[in-house]
Amino acid sequence: MDILHEFSKALLQTRQRKDATQEQVAWALDVSQASYNAWECGHRLCPYKHIVGLINYFDDEQFTRCVLRILLTIQHNMAGLDKLPEKEIQKYYTSLLALLADECEQWIKDLKK
């Protein structure tokens, strides 16, 4: 399954689970209904700022996990990890998780200031 199809499927299913219309979601994100429709129909992937907006709007763990998988797939492909041995891939993701944990910890500290 390609990334665009996976994203559009998750978007449609989540919107239906939340019993929202395309117009409601588009309005909440301040985009046209036509733009939202293009994302949900798989014609294009929405910009990152709207991915964050969708995660916040839906507040749905299943959707958030799907989006994180998609973003990791994009990162994986851009980094050329598919050409590395499995041991190197595991090392890369272990380092990435450690960095993410550190950043989250710092972010939480900054929020408390």
N, C-alpha and C. Protein backbone atom coordinates (compact mmCIF):
# COMPACT_ATOMS: atom_id res chain seq x y z
N MET A 1 0.85 -1.18 0.00
CA MET A 1 0.00 0.00 0.00
C MET A 1 0.89 1.24 0.00
N ASP A 2 0.60 2.20 -0.86
CA ASP A 2 1.43 3.39 -0.89
C ASP A 2 1.00 4.40 0.18
N ILE A 3 1.87 5.34 0.45
CA ILE A 3 1.67 6.30 1.54
C ILE A 3 0.42 7.13 1.33
N LEU A 4 0.22 7.60 0.12
CA LEU A 4 -0.93 8.45 -0.16
C LEU A 4 -2.25 7.71 0.08
N HIS A 5 -2.30 6.47 -0.37
CA HIS A 5 -3.52 5.67 -0.18
C HIS A 5 -3.74 5.37 1.30
N GLU A 6 -2.67 5.05 2.00
CA GLU A 6 -2.78 4.75 3.44
C GLU A 6 -3.30 5.98 4.21
N PHE A 7 -2.77 7.16 3.86
CA PHE A 7 -3.19 8.38 4.54
C PHE A 7 -4.66 8.69 4.23
N SER A 8 -5.04 8.61 2.97
CA SER A 8 -6.43 8.95 2.61
C SER A 8 -7.42 7.98 3.25
N LYS A 9 -7.07 6.72 3.30
CA LYS A 9 -7.94 5.72 3.92
C LYS A 9 -8.11 6.01 5.42
N ALA A 10 -6.99 6.31 6.08
CA ALA A 10 -7.05 6.62 7.52
C ALA A 10 -7.86 7.88 7.77
N LEU A 11 -7.70 8.87 6.91
CA LEU A 11 -8.43 10.13 7.05
C LEU A 11 -9.93 9.91 6.90
N LEU A 12 -10.33 9.17 5.89
CA LEU A 12 -11.76 8.88 5.68
C LEU A 12 -12.33 8.09 6.85
N GLN A 13 -11.64 7.05 7.27
CA GLN A 13 -12.16 6.21 8.35
C GLN A 13 -12.27 6.98 9.66
N THR A 14 -11.29 7.83 9.93
CA THR A 14 -11.31 8.60 11.16
C THR A 14 -12.44 9.63 11.13
N ARG A 15 -12.59 10.30 10.01
CA ARG A 15 -13.67 11.29 9.89
C ARG A 15 -15.02 10.62 10.09
N GLN A 16 -15.20 9.45 9.51
CA GLN A 16 -16.46 8.73 9.66
C GLN A 16 -16.67 8.27 11.11
N ARG A 17 -15.59 7.80 11.75
CA ARG A 17 -15.69 7.39 13.16
C ARG A 17 -16.10 8.56 14.04
N LYS A 18 -15.61 9.73 13.72
CA LYS A 18 -15.90 10.93 14.51
C LYS A 18 -17.20 11.59 14.09
N ASP A 19 -17.86 11.01 13.09
CA ASP A 19 -19.15 11.51 12.61
C ASP A 19 -19.07 12.99 12.20
N ALA A 20 -18.03 13.32 11.47
CA ALA A 20 -17.84 14.69 10.98
C ALA A 20 -17.99 14.70 9.46
N THR A 21 -18.35 15.85 8.93
CA THR A 21 -18.41 16.01 7.48
C THR A 21 -17.09 16.57 6.98
N GLN A 22 -16.87 16.44 5.68
CA GLN A 22 -15.68 17.04 5.09
C GLN A 22 -15.68 18.55 5.32
N GLU A 23 -16.84 19.15 5.20
CA GLU A 23 -16.95 20.60 5.38
C GLU A 23 -16.55 21.01 6.80
N GLN A 24 -16.97 20.23 7.80
CA GLN A 24 -16.63 20.56 9.19
C GLN A 24 -15.12 20.49 9.42
N VAL A 25 -14.50 19.45 8.91
CA VAL A 25 -13.06 19.29 9.10
C VAL A 25 -12.31 20.40 8.34
N ALA A 26 -12.71 20.66 7.12
CA ALA A 26 -12.07 21.71 6.32
C ALA A 26 -12.19 23.05 7.02
N TRP A 27 -13.37 23.35 7.53
CA TRP A 27 -13.58 24.62 8.23
C TRP A 27 -12.68 24.73 9.45
N ALA A 28 -12.57 23.64 10.21
CA ALA A 28 -11.73 23.63 11.42
C ALA A 28 -10.26 23.87 11.08
N LEU A 29 -9.83 23.42 9.90
CA LEU A 29 -8.43 23.57 9.50
C LEU A 29 -8.20 24.83 8.67
N ASP A 30 -9.29 25.54 8.38
CA ASP A 30 -9.21 26.76 7.57
C ASP A 30 -8.66 26.47 6.18
N VAL A 31 -9.20 25.42 5.57
CA VAL A 31 -8.87 25.07 4.19
C VAL A 31 -10.17 24.91 3.43
N SER A 32 -10.07 24.90 2.12
CA SER A 32 -11.28 24.70 1.32
C SER A 32 -11.72 23.25 1.41
N GLN A 33 -13.00 23.04 1.20
CA GLN A 33 -13.53 21.67 1.20
C GLN A 33 -12.91 20.88 0.04
N ALA A 34 -12.61 21.55 -1.05
CA ALA A 34 -11.98 20.89 -2.21
C ALA A 34 -10.58 20.39 -1.85
N SER A 35 -9.83 21.18 -1.09
CA SER A 35 -8.50 20.74 -0.66
C SER A 35 -8.60 19.52 0.25
N TYR A 36 -9.52 19.61 1.22
CA TYR A 36 -9.70 18.47 2.13
C TYR A 36 -10.11 17.22 1.34
N ASN A 37 -11.02 17.39 0.42
CA ASN A 37 -11.50 16.27 -0.40
C ASN A 37 -10.33 15.63 -1.16
N ALA A 38 -9.42 16.44 -1.67
CA ALA A 38 -8.27 15.90 -2.40
C ALA A 38 -7.40 15.04 -1.48
N TRP A 39 -7.27 15.44 -0.21
CA TRP A 39 -6.49 14.63 0.74
C TRP A 39 -7.19 13.31 1.00
N GLU A 40 -8.50 13.39 1.23
CA GLU A 40 -9.26 12.19 1.60
C GLU A 40 -9.42 11.23 0.42
N CYS A 41 -9.44 11.76 -0.79
CA CYS A 41 -9.57 10.92 -1.98
C CYS A 41 -8.22 10.39 -2.47
N GLY A 42 -7.15 10.83 -1.83
CA GLY A 42 -5.83 10.34 -2.21
C GLY A 42 -5.22 11.02 -3.41
N HIS A 43 -5.69 12.21 -3.74
CA HIS A 43 -5.12 12.94 -4.87
C HIS A 43 -3.82 13.64 -4.48
N ARG A 44 -3.72 14.01 -3.20
CA ARG A 44 -2.47 14.60 -2.71
C ARG A 44 -2.41 14.49 -1.18
N LEU A 45 -1.19 14.53 -0.67
CA LEU A 45 -0.95 14.50 0.76
C LEU A 45 -1.00 15.94 1.27
N CYS A 46 -1.62 16.13 2.40
CA CYS A 46 -1.75 17.50 2.91
C CYS A 46 -0.43 18.00 3.48
N PRO A 47 -0.25 19.31 3.54
CA PRO A 47 0.97 19.87 4.14
C PRO A 47 1.10 19.49 5.61
N TYR A 48 2.33 19.49 6.08
CA TYR A 48 2.61 19.07 7.46
C TYR A 48 1.78 19.84 8.48
N LYS A 49 1.65 21.16 8.31
CA LYS A 49 0.90 21.94 9.30
C LYS A 49 -0.54 21.45 9.40
N HIS A 50 -1.08 20.94 8.32
CA HIS A 50 -2.45 20.43 8.37
C HIS A 50 -2.50 19.01 8.93
N ILE A 51 -1.41 18.26 8.78
CA ILE A 51 -1.34 16.94 9.42
C ILE A 51 -1.44 17.12 10.93
N VAL A 52 -0.69 18.08 11.44
CA VAL A 52 -0.74 18.38 12.88
C VAL A 52 -2.15 18.83 13.26
N GLY A 53 -2.76 19.68 12.43
CA GLY A 53 -4.13 20.13 12.69
C GLY A 53 -5.12 18.98 12.71
N LEU A 54 -4.96 18.02 11.81
CA LEU A 54 -5.85 16.86 11.77
C LEU A 54 -5.68 16.00 13.02
N ILE A 55 -4.43 15.82 13.45
CA ILE A 55 -4.18 15.04 14.67
C ILE A 55 -4.88 15.71 15.86
N ASN A 56 -4.77 17.02 15.95
CA ASN A 56 -5.42 17.75 17.04
C ASN A 56 -6.94 17.72 16.91
N TYR A 57 -7.44 17.91 15.71
CA TYR A 57 -8.88 17.95 15.50
C TYR A 57 -9.53 16.61 15.85
N PHE A 58 -8.98 15.53 15.33
CA PHE A 58 -9.60 14.23 15.55
C PHE A 58 -9.32 13.67 16.95
N ASP A 59 -8.16 13.98 17.51
CA ASP A 59 -7.80 13.46 18.83
C ASP A 59 -8.09 11.95 18.89
N ASP A 60 -7.50 11.22 17.95
CA ASP A 60 -7.79 9.82 17.75
C ASP A 60 -6.46 9.05 17.71
N GLU A 61 -6.25 8.17 18.67
CA GLU A 61 -4.98 7.45 18.77
C GLU A 61 -4.68 6.63 17.52
N GLN A 62 -5.69 5.97 16.99
CA GLN A 62 -5.49 5.14 15.80
C GLN A 62 -5.01 5.99 14.62
N PHE A 63 -5.62 7.15 14.42
CA PHE A 63 -5.22 8.05 13.34
C PHE A 63 -3.80 8.57 13.59
N THR A 64 -3.51 8.97 14.82
CA THR A 64 -2.19 9.50 15.14
C THR A 64 -1.12 8.45 14.89
N ARG A 65 -1.38 7.22 15.28
CA ARG A 65 -0.40 6.15 15.04
C ARG A 65 -0.19 5.94 13.54
N CYS A 66 -1.26 5.99 12.78
CA CYS A 66 -1.15 5.82 11.33
C CYS A 66 -0.30 6.93 10.73
N VAL A 67 -0.55 8.16 11.14
CA VAL A 67 0.22 9.30 10.63
C VAL A 67 1.70 9.17 11.02
N LEU A 68 1.96 8.74 12.25
CA LEU A 68 3.35 8.55 12.67
C LEU A 68 4.04 7.48 11.83
N ARG A 69 3.33 6.40 11.52
CA ARG A 69 3.89 5.36 10.65
C ARG A 69 4.22 5.92 9.27
N ILE A 70 3.33 6.75 8.75
CA ILE A 70 3.55 7.35 7.44
C ILE A 70 4.77 8.27 7.47
N LEU A 71 4.86 9.12 8.50
CA LEU A 71 6.00 10.03 8.61
C LEU A 71 7.30 9.25 8.77
N LEU A 72 7.28 8.17 9.54
CA LEU A 72 8.48 7.34 9.69
C LEU A 72 8.84 6.66 8.37
N THR A 73 7.85 6.26 7.60
CA THR A 73 8.11 5.65 6.29
C THR A 73 8.77 6.66 5.36
N ILE A 74 8.27 7.89 5.38
CA ILE A 74 8.88 8.94 4.56
C ILE A 74 10.32 9.16 4.99
N GLN A 75 10.55 9.27 6.31
CA GLN A 75 11.90 9.45 6.84
C GLN A 75 12.79 8.27 6.45
N HIS A 76 12.28 7.07 6.58
CA HIS A 76 13.01 5.85 6.24
C HIS A 76 13.46 5.88 4.78
N ASN A 77 12.52 6.23 3.91
CA ASN A 77 12.82 6.26 2.48
C ASN A 77 13.81 7.38 2.14
N MET A 78 13.62 8.54 2.74
CA MET A 78 14.51 9.67 2.44
C MET A 78 15.93 9.42 2.95
N ALA A 79 16.04 8.70 4.05
CA ALA A 79 17.36 8.41 4.62
C ALA A 79 18.05 7.24 3.90
N GLY A 80 17.34 6.58 3.00
CA GLY A 80 17.91 5.46 2.27
C GLY A 80 18.13 4.23 3.13
N LEU A 81 17.33 4.10 4.19
CA LEU A 81 17.55 2.99 5.12
C LEU A 81 17.23 1.63 4.51
N ASP A 82 16.42 1.62 3.48
CA ASP A 82 16.07 0.34 2.86
C ASP A 82 17.29 -0.34 2.23
N LYS A 83 18.38 0.40 2.08
CA LYS A 83 19.60 -0.15 1.47
C LYS A 83 20.59 -0.64 2.53
N LEU A 84 20.26 -0.45 3.81
CA LEU A 84 21.17 -0.83 4.88
C LEU A 84 20.83 -2.20 5.45
N PRO A 85 21.81 -2.85 6.07
CA PRO A 85 21.52 -4.12 6.75
C PRO A 85 20.60 -3.87 7.95
N GLU A 86 19.88 -4.91 8.34
CA GLU A 86 18.90 -4.78 9.43
C GLU A 86 19.53 -4.25 10.71
N LYS A 87 20.74 -4.66 11.01
CA LYS A 87 21.41 -4.22 12.24
C LYS A 87 21.60 -2.69 12.21
N GLU A 88 21.96 -2.13 11.08
CA GLU A 88 22.15 -0.69 10.95
C GLU A 88 20.82 0.05 11.05
N ILE A 89 19.77 -0.55 10.52
CA ILE A 89 18.44 0.06 10.60
C ILE A 89 17.99 0.11 12.06
N GLN A 90 18.19 -0.99 12.79
CA GLN A 90 17.84 -1.02 14.21
C GLN A 90 18.63 0.03 14.99
N LYS A 91 19.90 0.16 14.70
CA LYS A 91 20.74 1.17 15.36
C LYS A 91 20.21 2.57 15.07
N TYR A 92 19.85 2.83 13.84
CA TYR A 92 19.32 4.13 13.44
C TYR A 92 18.05 4.46 14.23
N TYR A 93 17.11 3.51 14.28
CA TYR A 93 15.85 3.78 14.96
C TYR A 93 16.01 3.84 16.48
N THR A 94 16.94 3.09 17.03
CA THR A 94 17.21 3.19 18.47
C THR A 94 17.72 4.58 18.80
N SER A 95 18.62 5.10 17.98
CA SER A 95 19.13 6.46 18.18
C SER A 95 18.02 7.49 18.00
N LEU A 96 17.18 7.29 17.00
CA LEU A 96 16.08 8.21 16.74
C LEU A 96 15.11 8.24 17.93
N LEU A 97 14.80 7.09 18.49
CA LEU A 97 13.90 7.03 19.65
C LEU A 97 14.52 7.72 20.87
N ALA A 98 15.81 7.55 21.06
CA ALA A 98 16.49 8.21 22.19
C ALA A 98 16.43 9.73 22.02
N LEU A 99 16.67 10.20 20.81
CA LEU A 99 16.59 11.64 20.54
C LEU A 99 15.18 12.16 20.75
N LEU A 100 14.22 11.41 20.29
CA LEU A 100 12.82 11.81 20.46
C LEU A 100 12.45 11.89 21.93
N ALA A 101 12.87 10.91 22.71
CA ALA A 101 12.60 10.93 24.16
C ALA A 101 13.23 12.15 24.81
N ASP A 102 14.47 12.46 24.44
CA ASP A 102 15.14 13.64 25.00
C ASP A 102 14.42 14.93 24.62
N GLU A 103 14.01 15.02 23.37
CA GLU A 103 13.31 16.21 22.90
C GLU A 103 11.96 16.38 23.60
N CYS A 104 11.25 15.28 23.79
CA CYS A 104 9.96 15.34 24.49
C CYS A 104 10.15 15.79 25.93
N GLU A 105 11.17 15.27 26.57
CA GLU A 105 11.46 15.66 27.96
C GLU A 105 11.77 17.16 28.04
N GLN A 106 12.59 17.65 27.12
CA GLN A 106 12.92 19.07 27.11
C GLN A 106 11.69 19.92 26.79
N TRP A 107 10.88 19.46 25.88
CA TRP A 107 9.67 20.18 25.49
C TRP A 107 8.72 20.32 26.69
N ILE A 108 8.59 19.25 27.46
CA ILE A 108 7.72 19.29 28.65
C ILE A 108 8.29 20.27 29.67
N LYS A 109 9.60 20.27 29.86
CA LYS A 109 10.22 21.24 30.78
C LYS A 109 9.95 22.66 30.31
N ASP A 110 10.08 22.90 29.02
CA ASP A 110 9.85 24.24 28.46
C ASP A 110 8.40 24.67 28.65
N LEU A 111 7.48 23.73 28.56
CA LEU A 111 6.07 24.06 28.75
C LEU A 111 5.78 24.52 30.17
N LYS A 112 6.53 23.98 31.12
CA LYS A 112 6.30 24.32 32.53
C LYS A 112 6.85 25.69 32.91
N LYS A 113 7.70 26.25 32.06
CA LYS A 113 8.30 27.58 32.35
C LYS A 113 7.31 28.67 32.20
